[in-house]
């Protein structure tokens, strides 16, 4: 799966999100690596240094400090049409495109302890990020295209790649953040312009297939058997059942519990949109949403005990204080790797 988000500001994005192993303890530092032809143009290579990352985030050349693109770095003030109040909005500083591995691959690498799988994932992601770079573009602002959304493909980006191995719910989940400065060099005009991610996202289904096909080939060379997974339009490792995947998918269990609670109270299943709201809401938003739904359905406010019973498993925005080895002792099933006539077989220990 490939997802994307644009970051405005992002003052703590490196230290609290990218360098922490996503939602693990801050002591588990993740070192990023520079990627992209734009990084090479700027003289960036190897391990990401915070000083250079922050200069790029602030639209500065990482070594000279000169302004990189013509975009303004001042805060813009907008008027909220609903409230009439002024709001501050910072310009986009970074684009974060996230690559996620199939669940069975994460289970084999992290719970099964097969470092070869983790390395195969890293190599496939590096190739996929380079493939996505081919679609990097800038907007054409001159001539007949001055007021249009016309793009010119530049095929270069300045990015940093961070590999993580857990989800927010502390489930095994290999994923990688390809975080790109909001700049791409336009060779035709000879200067840097704001990076437009639209063409890259339009190409993301192709890049996802590229990533999964490459990863599947690498895993097969390691001795794993691969089968198609119609649910995700990807693949899964044979021998790791859906039951095993669910055993290491806390958020999936929470969602199923939520759907059951919802149906028990409202006598119908929640809509897809309502499930998405559950996934995204923090506790305050989840409680307010439930109170409104209950009052609309029954014409009265719910008792606090009912609210507390319904509103749980919300999305915690804080870093969890746990380290990777702690996953081994959290009470979940163990997964062992046994070798049998060459190919690796993953066995759920009950």
C-alpha atoms as a PDB file:
ATOM      1  CA  UNK A   1       0.000   0.000   0.000  1.00  0.00           C
ATOM      2  CA  UNK A   2       1.142   3.559  -0.740  1.00  0.00           C
ATOM      3  CA  UNK A   3      -0.217   6.612   1.070  1.00  0.00           C
ATOM      4  CA  UNK A   4       0.794  10.271   1.009  1.00  0.00           C
ATOM      5  CA  UNK A   5       0.501  13.401   3.116  1.00  0.00           C
ATOM      6  CA  UNK A   6       1.856  16.929   2.737  1.00  0.00           C
ATOM      7  CA  UNK A   7       3.422  18.551   5.802  1.00  0.00           C
ATOM      8  CA  UNK A   8       3.103  22.279   6.521  1.00  0.00           C
ATOM      9  CA  UNK A   9       5.647  23.474   9.042  1.00  0.00           C
ATOM     10  CA  UNK A  10       6.838  20.129  10.385  1.00  0.00           C
ATOM     11  CA  UNK A  11       9.141  21.518  13.060  1.00  0.00           C
ATOM     12  CA  UNK A  12       9.215  18.249  15.036  1.00  0.00           C
ATOM     13  CA  UNK A  13       8.516  15.836  12.186  1.00  0.00           C
ATOM     14  CA  UNK A  14      12.074  14.517  12.027  1.00  0.00           C
ATOM     15  CA  UNK A  15      12.673  14.004  15.741  1.00  0.00           C
ATOM     16  CA  UNK A  16       9.265  12.803  16.905  1.00  0.00           C
ATOM     17  CA  UNK A  17       8.037  10.885  13.899  1.00  0.00           C
ATOM     18  CA  UNK A  18      10.748   9.910  11.446  1.00  0.00           C
ATOM     19  CA  UNK A  19      13.675   9.185  13.748  1.00  0.00           C
ATOM     20  CA  UNK A  20      11.587   7.469  16.404  1.00  0.00           C
ATOM     21  CA  UNK A  21      10.678   3.958  15.281  1.00  0.00           C
ATOM     22  CA  UNK A  22       7.276   5.379  14.476  1.00  0.00           C
ATOM     23  CA  UNK A  23       5.438   4.787  17.735  1.00  0.00           C
ATOM     24  CA  UNK A  24       8.169   3.198  19.804  1.00  0.00           C
ATOM     25  CA  UNK A  25      10.355   4.728  22.498  1.00  0.00           C
ATOM     26  CA  UNK A  26      12.364   7.774  21.562  1.00  0.00           C
ATOM     27  CA  UNK A  27      15.548   5.858  22.381  1.00  0.00           C
ATOM     28  CA  UNK A  28      15.063   3.689  19.299  1.00  0.00           C
ATOM     29  CA  UNK A  29      16.554   6.072  16.795  1.00  0.00           C
ATOM     30  CA  UNK A  30      16.053   5.471  13.087  1.00  0.00           C
ATOM     31  CA  UNK A  31      18.743   6.806  10.765  1.00  0.00           C
ATOM     32  CA  UNK A  32      17.420   7.982   7.427  1.00  0.00           C
ATOM     33  CA  UNK A  33      19.245   7.791   4.109  1.00  0.00           C
ATOM     34  CA  UNK A  34      19.233  10.357   1.310  1.00  0.00           C
ATOM     35  CA  UNK A  35      17.547   9.382  -1.939  1.00  0.00           C
ATOM     36  CA  UNK A  36      16.850  11.050  -5.257  1.00  0.00           C
ATOM     37  CA  UNK A  37      18.678  12.833  -8.038  1.00  0.00           C
ATOM     38  CA  UNK A  38      17.864  16.152  -6.404  1.00  0.00           C
ATOM     39  CA  UNK A  39      19.770  15.090  -3.304  1.00  0.00           C
ATOM     40  CA  UNK A  40      22.774  14.281  -5.482  1.00  0.00           C
ATOM     41  CA  UNK A  41      22.558  17.707  -7.130  1.00  0.00           C
ATOM     42  CA  UNK A  42      22.691  19.300  -3.677  1.00  0.00           C
ATOM     43  CA  UNK A  43      25.611  17.156  -2.509  1.00  0.00           C
ATOM     44  CA  UNK A  44      23.596  15.020  -0.091  1.00  0.00           C
ATOM     45  CA  UNK A  45      24.559  11.368   0.300  1.00  0.00           C
ATOM     46  CA  UNK A  46      24.509   8.653   2.943  1.00  0.00           C
ATOM     47  CA  UNK A  47      22.980   9.140   6.399  1.00  0.00           C
ATOM     48  CA  UNK A  48      20.558  12.007   6.944  1.00  0.00           C
ATOM     49  CA  UNK A  49      21.938  14.757   9.176  1.00  0.00           C
ATOM     50  CA  UNK A  50      19.362  16.771  11.104  1.00  0.00           C
ATOM     51  CA  UNK A  51      20.989  20.078  10.162  1.00  0.00           C
ATOM     52  CA  UNK A  52      20.668  19.413   6.429  1.00  0.00           C
ATOM     53  CA  UNK A  53      17.140  18.021   6.777  1.00  0.00           C
ATOM     54  CA  UNK A  54      15.975  21.087   8.687  1.00  0.00           C
ATOM     55  CA  UNK A  55      17.485  23.476   6.170  1.00  0.00           C
ATOM     56  CA  UNK A  56      15.613  21.726   3.369  1.00  0.00           C
ATOM     57  CA  UNK A  57      12.437  21.819   5.426  1.00  0.00           C
ATOM     58  CA  UNK A  58      12.909  25.570   5.694  1.00  0.00           C
ATOM     59  CA  UNK A  59      13.395  25.862   1.916  1.00  0.00           C
ATOM     60  CA  UNK A  60      17.142  26.456   2.151  1.00  0.00           C
ATOM     61  CA  UNK A  61      20.092  24.950   0.319  1.00  0.00           C
ATOM     62  CA  UNK A  62      21.520  22.427   2.832  1.00  0.00           C
ATOM     63  CA  UNK A  63      25.073  23.794   2.601  1.00  0.00           C
ATOM     64  CA  UNK A  64      24.860  27.440   1.540  1.00  0.00           C
ATOM     65  CA  UNK A  65      21.643  28.412   3.288  1.00  0.00           C
ATOM     66  CA  UNK A  66      20.357  30.187   0.181  1.00  0.00           C
ATOM     67  CA  UNK A  67      16.627  30.089  -0.593  1.00  0.00           C
ATOM     68  CA  UNK A  68      15.939  27.010  -2.685  1.00  0.00           C
ATOM     69  CA  UNK A  69      12.620  27.810  -4.366  1.00  0.00           C
ATOM     70  CA  UNK A  70      10.733  31.039  -4.886  1.00  0.00           C
ATOM     71  CA  UNK A  71       7.861  30.047  -2.592  1.00  0.00           C
ATOM     72  CA  UNK A  72       7.320  32.303   0.395  1.00  0.00           C
ATOM     73  CA  UNK A  73       8.081  31.003   3.877  1.00  0.00           C
ATOM     74  CA  UNK A  74       5.929  33.566   5.637  1.00  0.00           C
ATOM     75  CA  UNK A  75       2.732  32.482   7.339  1.00  0.00           C
ATOM     76  CA  UNK A  76      -0.374  33.289   5.326  1.00  0.00           C
ATOM     77  CA  UNK A  77      -3.594  34.377   7.004  1.00  0.00           C
ATOM     78  CA  UNK A  78      -6.917  33.029   5.768  1.00  0.00           C
ATOM     79  CA  UNK A  79     -10.451  33.757   6.853  1.00  0.00           C
ATOM     80  CA  UNK A  80     -12.472  30.755   7.971  1.00  0.00           C
ATOM     81  CA  UNK A  81     -15.744  31.009   6.056  1.00  0.00           C
ATOM     82  CA  UNK A  82     -17.702  29.284   8.825  1.00  0.00           C
ATOM     83  CA  UNK A  83     -16.439  31.252  11.847  1.00  0.00           C
ATOM     84  CA  UNK A  84     -15.200  34.433  10.180  1.00  0.00           C
ATOM     85  CA  UNK A  85     -11.983  34.186  12.189  1.00  0.00           C
ATOM     86  CA  UNK A  86      -8.506  34.496  10.760  1.00  0.00           C
ATOM     87  CA  UNK A  87      -6.449  31.333  10.597  1.00  0.00           C
ATOM     88  CA  UNK A  88      -2.749  30.874  10.015  1.00  0.00           C
ATOM     89  CA  UNK A  89      -1.479  28.474   7.401  1.00  0.00           C
ATOM     90  CA  UNK A  90       2.136  27.661   6.661  1.00  0.00           C
ATOM     91  CA  UNK A  91       3.336  26.646   3.197  1.00  0.00           C
ATOM     92  CA  UNK A  92       3.967  22.981   2.439  1.00  0.00           C
ATOM     93  CA  UNK A  93       7.466  22.065   3.582  1.00  0.00           C
ATOM     94  CA  UNK A  94       7.562  18.301   3.004  1.00  0.00           C
ATOM     95  CA  UNK A  95       5.765  15.492   1.200  1.00  0.00           C
ATOM     96  CA  UNK A  96       5.686  12.121   2.981  1.00  0.00           C
ATOM     97  CA  UNK A  97       4.917   9.096   0.802  1.00  0.00           C
ATOM     98  CA  UNK A  98       4.660   5.882   2.807  1.00  0.00           C
ATOM     99  CA  UNK A  99       5.255   2.371   1.439  1.00  0.00           C
ATOM    100  CA  UNK A 100       3.762  -0.507   3.489  1.00  0.00           C
ATOM    101  CA  UNK A 101       4.602  -4.192   3.198  1.00  0.00           C
ATOM    102  CA  UNK A 102       2.000  -6.988   3.092  1.00  0.00           C
ATOM    103  CA  UNK A 103       1.145  -8.101   6.627  1.00  0.00           C
ATOM    104  CA  UNK A 104       2.528 -11.609   6.178  1.00  0.00           C
ATOM    105  CA  UNK A 105       5.882 -10.152   5.138  1.00  0.00           C
ATOM    106  CA  UNK A 106       6.008  -8.045   8.304  1.00  0.00           C
ATOM    107  CA  UNK A 107       5.177 -11.094  10.418  1.00  0.00           C
ATOM    108  CA  UNK A 108       7.921 -13.163   8.758  1.00  0.00           C
ATOM    109  CA  UNK A 109      10.535 -10.430   9.172  1.00  0.00           C
ATOM    110  CA  UNK A 110       9.778  -9.134  12.661  1.00  0.00           C
ATOM    111  CA  UNK A 111       8.045 -11.918  14.565  1.00  0.00           C
ATOM    112  CA  UNK A 112       9.722 -14.705  12.633  1.00  0.00           C
ATOM    113  CA  UNK A 113      13.044 -12.916  12.980  1.00  0.00           C
ATOM    114  CA  UNK A 114      14.164 -13.420   9.382  1.00  0.00           C
ATOM    115  CA  UNK A 115      16.455 -10.463   8.750  1.00  0.00           C
ATOM    116  CA  UNK A 116      16.764 -11.483   5.111  1.00  0.00           C
ATOM    117  CA  UNK A 117      13.106 -10.566   4.616  1.00  0.00           C
ATOM    118  CA  UNK A 118      13.667  -7.152   6.175  1.00  0.00           C
ATOM    119  CA  UNK A 119      16.637  -6.519   3.893  1.00  0.00           C
ATOM    120  CA  UNK A 120      14.651  -7.667   0.847  1.00  0.00           C
ATOM    121  CA  UNK A 121      11.957  -5.152   1.799  1.00  0.00           C
ATOM    122  CA  UNK A 122      14.544  -2.368   2.109  1.00  0.00           C
ATOM    123  CA  UNK A 123      15.995  -3.100  -1.316  1.00  0.00           C
ATOM    124  CA  UNK A 124      12.577  -3.256  -2.980  1.00  0.00           C
ATOM    125  CA  UNK A 125      11.509   0.035  -1.415  1.00  0.00           C
ATOM    126  CA  UNK A 126      14.670   1.760  -2.618  1.00  0.00           C
ATOM    127  CA  UNK A 127      13.905   0.640  -6.167  1.00  0.00           C
ATOM    128  CA  UNK A 128      10.238   1.656  -5.863  1.00  0.00           C
ATOM    129  CA  UNK A 129      11.183   5.117  -4.581  1.00  0.00           C
ATOM    130  CA  UNK A 130      13.520   5.551  -7.546  1.00  0.00           C
ATOM    131  CA  UNK A 131      10.726   4.441  -9.860  1.00  0.00           C
ATOM    132  CA  UNK A 132       8.344   6.963  -8.323  1.00  0.00           C
ATOM    133  CA  UNK A 133      10.951   9.708  -8.803  1.00  0.00           C
ATOM    134  CA  UNK A 134      10.465   9.342 -12.552  1.00  0.00           C
ATOM    135  CA  UNK A 135       7.070  11.038 -12.081  1.00  0.00           C
ATOM    136  CA  UNK A 136       8.282  14.017 -10.022  1.00  0.00           C
ATOM    137  CA  UNK A 137       7.045  17.244 -11.593  1.00  0.00           C
ATOM    138  CA  UNK A 138       6.720  21.010 -11.238  1.00  0.00           C
ATOM    139  CA  UNK A 139       3.932  23.329 -12.324  1.00  0.00           C
ATOM    140  CA  UNK A 140       4.318  25.399 -15.490  1.00  0.00           C
ATOM    141  CA  UNK A 141       3.612  29.021 -14.593  1.00  0.00           C
ATOM    142  CA  UNK A 142       4.431  30.852 -17.819  1.00  0.00           C
ATOM    143  CA  UNK A 143       2.783  31.631 -21.153  1.00  0.00           C
ATOM    144  CA  UNK A 144      -0.485  29.982 -21.994  1.00  0.00           C
ATOM    145  CA  UNK A 145      -0.175  27.748 -18.921  1.00  0.00           C
ATOM    146  CA  UNK A 146       0.138  30.602 -16.380  1.00  0.00           C
ATOM    147  CA  UNK A 147      -3.269  29.968 -14.773  1.00  0.00           C
ATOM    148  CA  UNK A 148      -3.498  26.225 -15.339  1.00  0.00           C
ATOM    149  CA  UNK A 149      -2.486  23.086 -13.474  1.00  0.00           C
ATOM    150  CA  UNK A 150      -0.175  22.005 -16.306  1.00  0.00           C
ATOM    151  CA  UNK A 151       2.828  20.028 -15.087  1.00  0.00           C
ATOM    152  CA  UNK A 152       6.289  19.409 -16.462  1.00  0.00           C
ATOM    153  CA  UNK A 153       7.949  16.149 -15.410  1.00  0.00           C
ATOM    154  CA  UNK A 154      11.410  16.782 -13.941  1.00  0.00           C
ATOM    155  CA  UNK A 155      12.173  13.245 -12.698  1.00  0.00           C
ATOM    156  CA  UNK A 156      14.157  14.440  -9.696  1.00  0.00           C
ATOM    157  CA  UNK A 157      13.419  14.828  -6.013  1.00  0.00           C
ATOM    158  CA  UNK A 158      15.339  15.430  -2.820  1.00  0.00           C
ATOM    159  CA  UNK A 159      14.219  12.831  -0.344  1.00  0.00           C
ATOM    160  CA  UNK A 160      15.092  10.980   2.836  1.00  0.00           C
ATOM    161  CA  UNK A 161      14.083   7.364   3.396  1.00  0.00           C
ATOM    162  CA  UNK A 162      13.236   6.120   6.898  1.00  0.00           C
ATOM    163  CA  UNK A 163      12.483   2.431   7.542  1.00  0.00           C
ATOM    164  CA  UNK A 164      10.127   1.568  10.417  1.00  0.00           C
ATOM    165  CA  UNK A 165       8.791  -1.744  11.613  1.00  0.00           C
ATOM    166  CA  UNK A 166       5.670  -1.094  13.716  1.00  0.00           C
ATOM    167  CA  UNK A 167       2.239   0.482  13.447  1.00  0.00           C
ATOM    168  CA  UNK A 168       0.735   2.957  15.909  1.00  0.00           C
ATOM    169  CA  UNK A 169      -0.857   0.013  17.722  1.00  0.00           C
ATOM    170  CA  UNK A 170       2.579  -1.605  18.117  1.00  0.00           C
ATOM    171  CA  UNK A 171       1.808  -4.324  15.606  1.00  0.00           C
ATOM    172  CA  UNK A 172       4.549  -5.689  13.346  1.00  0.00           C
ATOM    173  CA  UNK A 173       4.296  -3.563  10.199  1.00  0.00           C
ATOM    174  CA  UNK A 174       7.218  -2.925   7.887  1.00  0.00           C
ATOM    175  CA  UNK A 175       6.834   0.460   6.243  1.00  0.00           C
ATOM    176  CA  UNK A 176       9.035   3.216   4.921  1.00  0.00           C
ATOM    177  CA  UNK A 177       8.611   6.983   4.824  1.00  0.00           C
ATOM    178  CA  UNK A 178       9.986   8.633   1.690  1.00  0.00           C
ATOM    179  CA  UNK A 179      10.007  12.241   2.885  1.00  0.00           C
ATOM    180  CA  UNK A 180      10.650  14.749   0.133  1.00  0.00           C
ATOM    181  CA  UNK A 181      11.573  18.409   0.266  1.00  0.00           C
ATOM    182  CA  UNK A 182       9.032  20.580  -1.513  1.00  0.00           C
ATOM    183  CA  UNK A 183      11.469  21.248  -4.339  1.00  0.00           C
ATOM    184  CA  UNK A 184      12.437  19.783  -7.709  1.00  0.00           C
ATOM    185  CA  UNK A 185      14.995  21.135 -10.174  1.00  0.00           C
ATOM    186  CA  UNK A 186      13.568  22.242 -13.524  1.00  0.00           C
ATOM    187  CA  UNK A 187      16.395  21.751 -16.025  1.00  0.00           C
ATOM    188  CA  UNK A 188      14.542  23.678 -18.720  1.00  0.00           C
ATOM    189  CA  UNK A 189      14.341  26.820 -16.609  1.00  0.00           C
ATOM    190  CA  UNK A 190      17.504  26.207 -14.618  1.00  0.00           C
ATOM    191  CA  UNK A 191      16.154  26.634 -11.092  1.00  0.00           C
ATOM    192  CA  UNK A 192      14.269  24.889  -8.296  1.00  0.00           C
ATOM    193  CA  UNK A 193      10.471  24.951  -8.108  1.00  0.00           C
ATOM    194  CA  UNK A 194       7.893  23.511  -5.732  1.00  0.00           C
ATOM    195  CA  UNK A 195       7.512  19.745  -6.146  1.00  0.00           C
ATOM    196  CA  UNK A 196       4.081  18.684  -7.378  1.00  0.00           C
ATOM    197  CA  UNK A 197       3.200  15.240  -6.042  1.00  0.00           C
ATOM    198  CA  UNK A 198       0.086  14.768  -8.218  1.00  0.00           C
ATOM    199  CA  UNK A 199       1.806  12.866 -11.031  1.00  0.00           C
ATOM    200  CA  UNK A 200       3.566  10.614  -8.516  1.00  0.00           C
ATOM    201  CA  UNK A 201       0.298   9.769  -6.793  1.00  0.00           C
ATOM    202  CA  UNK A 202      -1.429   9.087 -10.094  1.00  0.00           C
ATOM    203  CA  UNK A 203       1.374   6.618 -10.800  1.00  0.00           C
ATOM    204  CA  UNK A 204       1.158   5.031  -7.335  1.00  0.00           C
ATOM    205  CA  UNK A 205      -0.875   1.945  -8.447  1.00  0.00           C
ATOM    206  CA  UNK A 206       1.876   1.159 -10.941  1.00  0.00           C
ATOM    207  CA  UNK A 207       4.600   1.825  -8.354  1.00  0.00           C
ATOM    208  CA  UNK A 208       2.810  -0.377  -5.812  1.00  0.00           C
ATOM    209  CA  UNK A 209       2.705  -3.236  -8.328  1.00  0.00           C
ATOM    210  CA  UNK A 210       6.374  -2.616  -9.142  1.00  0.00           C
ATOM    211  CA  UNK A 211       7.225  -2.769  -5.435  1.00  0.00           C
ATOM    212  CA  UNK A 212       5.240  -5.926  -4.719  1.00  0.00           C
ATOM    213  CA  UNK A 213       6.470  -7.787  -7.797  1.00  0.00           C
ATOM    214  CA  UNK A 214      10.087  -7.015  -6.947  1.00  0.00           C
ATOM    215  CA  UNK A 215       9.612  -7.979  -3.303  1.00  0.00           C
ATOM    216  CA  UNK A 216       7.823 -11.211  -4.219  1.00  0.00           C
ATOM    217  CA  UNK A 217      10.695 -12.223  -6.510  1.00  0.00           C
ATOM    218  CA  UNK A 218      13.231 -11.586  -3.753  1.00  0.00           C
ATOM    219  CA  UNK A 219      11.231 -13.622  -1.232  1.00  0.00           C
ATOM    220  CA  UNK A 220      10.878 -16.502  -3.665  1.00  0.00           C
ATOM    221  CA  UNK A 221      14.657 -16.523  -4.106  1.00  0.00           C
ATOM    222  CA  UNK A 222      14.902 -16.843  -0.309  1.00  0.00           C
ATOM    223  CA  UNK A 223      12.729 -19.958  -0.426  1.00  0.00           C
ATOM    224  CA  UNK A 224       9.314 -18.539   0.462  1.00  0.00           C
ATOM    225  CA  UNK A 225       6.194 -19.513  -1.447  1.00  0.00           C
ATOM    226  CA  UNK A 226       3.978 -16.648  -2.607  1.00  0.00           C
ATOM    227  CA  UNK A 227       0.250 -16.522  -3.327  1.00  0.00           C
ATOM    228  CA  UNK A 228      -2.033 -13.757  -4.597  1.00  0.00           C
ATOM    229  CA  UNK A 229      -4.068 -11.786  -2.065  1.00  0.00           C
ATOM    230  CA  UNK A 230      -7.211 -10.466  -3.750  1.00  0.00           C
ATOM    231  CA  UNK A 231      -8.187  -8.389  -0.707  1.00  0.00           C
ATOM    232  CA  UNK A 232      -5.131  -6.153  -0.918  1.00  0.00           C
ATOM    233  CA  UNK A 233      -4.461  -6.523  -4.668  1.00  0.00           C
ATOM    234  CA  UNK A 234      -1.037  -7.720  -3.607  1.00  0.00           C
ATOM    235  CA  UNK A 235       0.413 -11.003  -2.343  1.00  0.00           C
ATOM    236  CA  UNK A 236       0.966 -12.926   0.845  1.00  0.00           C
ATOM    237  CA  UNK A 237       3.459 -15.519   2.046  1.00  0.00           C
ATOM    238  CA  UNK A 238       2.009 -19.017   1.894  1.00  0.00           C
ATOM    239  CA  UNK A 239       1.881 -20.674   5.300  1.00  0.00           C
ATOM    240  CA  UNK A 240       1.025 -17.510   7.204  1.00  0.00           C
ATOM    241  CA  UNK A 241      -2.724 -17.741   7.575  1.00  0.00           C
ATOM    242  CA  UNK A 242      -5.207 -14.903   7.841  1.00  0.00           C
ATOM    243  CA  UNK A 243      -5.704 -16.007  11.455  1.00  0.00           C
ATOM    244  CA  UNK A 244      -2.001 -15.514  12.128  1.00  0.00           C
ATOM    245  CA  UNK A 245      -2.081 -12.073  10.528  1.00  0.00           C
ATOM    246  CA  UNK A 246      -5.042 -11.084  12.700  1.00  0.00           C
ATOM    247  CA  UNK A 247      -3.155 -12.260  15.784  1.00  0.00           C
ATOM    248  CA  UNK A 248      -0.628  -9.525  15.071  1.00  0.00           C
ATOM    249  CA  UNK A 249      -3.154  -6.882  13.983  1.00  0.00           C
ATOM    250  CA  UNK A 250      -4.404  -5.121  17.084  1.00  0.00           C
ATOM    251  CA  UNK A 251      -6.100  -2.353  15.133  1.00  0.00           C
ATOM    252  CA  UNK A 252      -8.042  -4.892  13.068  1.00  0.00           C
ATOM    253  CA  UNK A 253      -9.360  -6.519  16.244  1.00  0.00           C
ATOM    254  CA  UNK A 254     -10.275  -3.130  17.659  1.00  0.00           C
ATOM    255  CA  UNK A 255     -12.212  -2.287  14.494  1.00  0.00           C
ATOM    256  CA  UNK A 256     -14.161  -5.537  14.623  1.00  0.00           C
ATOM    257  CA  UNK A 257     -14.996  -4.907  18.282  1.00  0.00           C
ATOM    258  CA  UNK A 258     -16.149  -1.403  17.415  1.00  0.00           C
ATOM    259  CA  UNK A 259     -18.444  -2.696  14.649  1.00  0.00           C
ATOM    260  CA  UNK A 260     -20.004  -5.195  17.069  1.00  0.00           C
ATOM    261  CA  UNK A 261     -20.570  -2.528  19.735  1.00  0.00           C
ATOM    262  CA  UNK A 262     -22.081  -0.191  17.159  1.00  0.00           C
ATOM    263  CA  UNK A 263     -24.515  -2.813  15.862  1.00  0.00           C
ATOM    264  CA  UNK A 264     -25.506  -3.795  19.390  1.00  0.00           C
ATOM    265  CA  UNK A 265     -26.534  -0.206  20.200  1.00  0.00           C
ATOM    266  CA  UNK A 266     -27.887   1.074  16.888  1.00  0.00           C
ATOM    267  CA  UNK A 267     -29.202  -2.245  15.461  1.00  0.00           C
ATOM    268  CA  UNK A 268     -27.329  -1.850  12.161  1.00  0.00           C
ATOM    269  CA  UNK A 269     -23.750  -2.090  10.962  1.00  0.00           C
ATOM    270  CA  UNK A 270     -21.696   1.098  10.780  1.00  0.00           C
ATOM    271  CA  UNK A 271     -21.091   2.561   7.349  1.00  0.00           C
ATOM    272  CA  UNK A 272     -17.665   2.491   5.752  1.00  0.00           C
ATOM    273  CA  UNK A 273     -17.331   6.209   6.498  1.00  0.00           C
ATOM    274  CA  UNK A 274     -18.206   5.620  10.148  1.00  0.00           C
ATOM    275  CA  UNK A 275     -15.532   2.942  10.435  1.00  0.00           C
ATOM    276  CA  UNK A 276     -13.003   5.342   8.900  1.00  0.00           C
ATOM    277  CA  UNK A 277     -13.993   7.917  11.516  1.00  0.00           C
ATOM    278  CA  UNK A 278     -13.378   5.369  14.259  1.00  0.00           C
ATOM    279  CA  UNK A 279      -9.915   4.691  12.871  1.00  0.00           C
ATOM    280  CA  UNK A 280      -8.994   8.391  12.789  1.00  0.00           C
ATOM    281  CA  UNK A 281     -10.749   9.834  15.863  1.00  0.00           C
ATOM    282  CA  UNK A 282      -8.994  10.635  19.119  1.00  0.00           C
ATOM    283  CA  UNK A 283     -10.907  10.089  22.369  1.00  0.00           C
ATOM    284  CA  UNK A 284     -12.491  13.545  22.495  1.00  0.00           C
ATOM    285  CA  UNK A 285     -13.718  13.393  18.909  1.00  0.00           C
ATOM    286  CA  UNK A 286     -14.946   9.806  19.339  1.00  0.00           C
ATOM    287  CA  UNK A 287     -16.958  10.703  22.444  1.00  0.00           C
ATOM    288  CA  UNK A 288     -18.536  13.794  20.858  1.00  0.00           C
ATOM    289  CA  UNK A 289     -19.430  11.827  17.729  1.00  0.00           C
ATOM    290  CA  UNK A 290     -21.070   9.024  19.723  1.00  0.00           C
ATOM    291  CA  UNK A 291     -23.096  11.424  21.882  1.00  0.00           C
ATOM    292  CA  UNK A 292     -24.418  13.147  18.755  1.00  0.00           C
ATOM    293  CA  UNK A 293     -25.311   9.855  17.084  1.00  0.00           C
ATOM    294  CA  UNK A 294     -27.059   8.567  20.191  1.00  0.00           C
ATOM    295  CA  UNK A 295     -29.104  11.746  20.695  1.00  0.00           C
ATOM    296  CA  UNK A 296     -30.161  11.697  17.033  1.00  0.00           C
ATOM    297  CA  UNK A 297     -31.178   8.038  17.180  1.00  0.00           C
ATOM    298  CA  UNK A 298     -32.921   7.976  20.583  1.00  0.00           C
ATOM    299  CA  UNK A 299     -33.765  11.583  21.388  1.00  0.00           C
ATOM    300  CA  UNK A 300     -31.839  11.647  24.652  1.00  0.00           C
ATOM    301  CA  UNK A 301     -28.287  11.862  25.936  1.00  0.00           C
ATOM    302  CA  UNK A 302     -26.461   8.610  26.704  1.00  0.00           C
ATOM    303  CA  UNK A 303     -25.416   7.733  30.251  1.00  0.00           C
ATOM    304  CA  UNK A 304     -21.729   8.206  30.966  1.00  0.00           C
ATOM    305  CA  UNK A 305     -21.263   4.464  31.569  1.00  0.00           C
ATOM    306  CA  UNK A 306     -22.607   3.778  28.071  1.00  0.00           C
ATOM    307  CA  UNK A 307     -20.290   6.396  26.586  1.00  0.00           C
ATOM    308  CA  UNK A 308     -17.281   4.918  28.394  1.00  0.00           C
ATOM    309  CA  UNK A 309     -18.221   1.414  27.258  1.00  0.00           C
ATOM    310  CA  UNK A 310     -18.551   2.462  23.650  1.00  0.00           C
ATOM    311  CA  UNK A 311     -15.701   4.946  23.309  1.00  0.00           C
ATOM    312  CA  UNK A 312     -12.554   2.936  23.717  1.00  0.00           C
ATOM    313  CA  UNK A 313      -9.744   1.785  21.437  1.00  0.00           C
ATOM    314  CA  UNK A 314      -9.351   5.338  20.180  1.00  0.00           C
ATOM    315  CA  UNK A 315      -6.310   6.515  18.268  1.00  0.00           C
ATOM    316  CA  UNK A 316      -3.608   7.651  20.691  1.00  0.00           C
ATOM    317  CA  UNK A 317      -1.498  10.445  19.168  1.00  0.00           C
ATOM    318  CA  UNK A 318       1.339  10.058  21.690  1.00  0.00           C
ATOM    319  CA  UNK A 319       4.504   8.014  21.380  1.00  0.00           C
ATOM    320  CA  UNK A 320       4.164   4.716  23.200  1.00  0.00           C
ATOM    321  CA  UNK A 321       6.936   3.942  25.651  1.00  0.00           C
ATOM    322  CA  UNK A 322       7.867   0.477  24.472  1.00  0.00           C
ATOM    323  CA  UNK A 323      10.879  -0.937  22.679  1.00  0.00           C
ATOM    324  CA  UNK A 324      11.087  -3.515  19.922  1.00  0.00           C
ATOM    325  CA  UNK A 325      12.218  -6.421  22.175  1.00  0.00           C
ATOM    326  CA  UNK A 326       9.182  -5.822  24.408  1.00  0.00           C
ATOM    327  CA  UNK A 327       6.960  -7.151  21.620  1.00  0.00           C
ATOM    328  CA  UNK A 328       8.312 -10.619  22.375  1.00  0.00           C
ATOM    329  CA  UNK A 329       6.773 -10.584  25.838  1.00  0.00           C
ATOM    330  CA  UNK A 330       3.427  -8.937  25.282  1.00  0.00           C
ATOM    331  CA  UNK A 331       1.371 -12.111  25.342  1.00  0.00           C
ATOM    332  CA  UNK A 332       0.791 -12.583  21.617  1.00  0.00           C
ATOM    333  CA  UNK A 333       1.419 -15.905  19.867  1.00  0.00           C
ATOM    334  CA  UNK A 334       5.000 -16.737  18.991  1.00  0.00           C
ATOM    335  CA  UNK A 335       6.062 -17.396  15.436  1.00  0.00           C
ATOM    336  CA  UNK A 336       9.011 -19.683  14.839  1.00  0.00           C
ATOM    337  CA  UNK A 337      10.913 -20.288  11.629  1.00  0.00           C
ATOM    338  CA  UNK A 338      11.755 -23.917  10.878  1.00  0.00           C
ATOM    339  CA  UNK A 339      13.850 -25.065   7.943  1.00  0.00           C
ATOM    340  CA  UNK A 340      12.606 -28.125   6.080  1.00  0.00           C
ATOM    341  CA  UNK A 341      14.356 -29.305   2.941  1.00  0.00           C
ATOM    342  CA  UNK A 342      15.483 -25.839   1.956  1.00  0.00           C
ATOM    343  CA  UNK A 343      12.370 -23.601   1.932  1.00  0.00           C
ATOM    344  CA  UNK A 344      11.466 -21.778   5.109  1.00  0.00           C
ATOM    345  CA  UNK A 345       8.179 -22.693   6.773  1.00  0.00           C
ATOM    346  CA  UNK A 346       6.532 -20.362   9.269  1.00  0.00           C
ATOM    347  CA  UNK A 347       4.819 -22.159  12.117  1.00  0.00           C
ATOM    348  CA  UNK A 348       2.410 -20.621  14.612  1.00  0.00           C
ATOM    349  CA  UNK A 349       3.301 -21.901  18.083  1.00  0.00           C
ATOM    350  CA  UNK A 350       0.164 -22.483  20.139  1.00  0.00           C
END
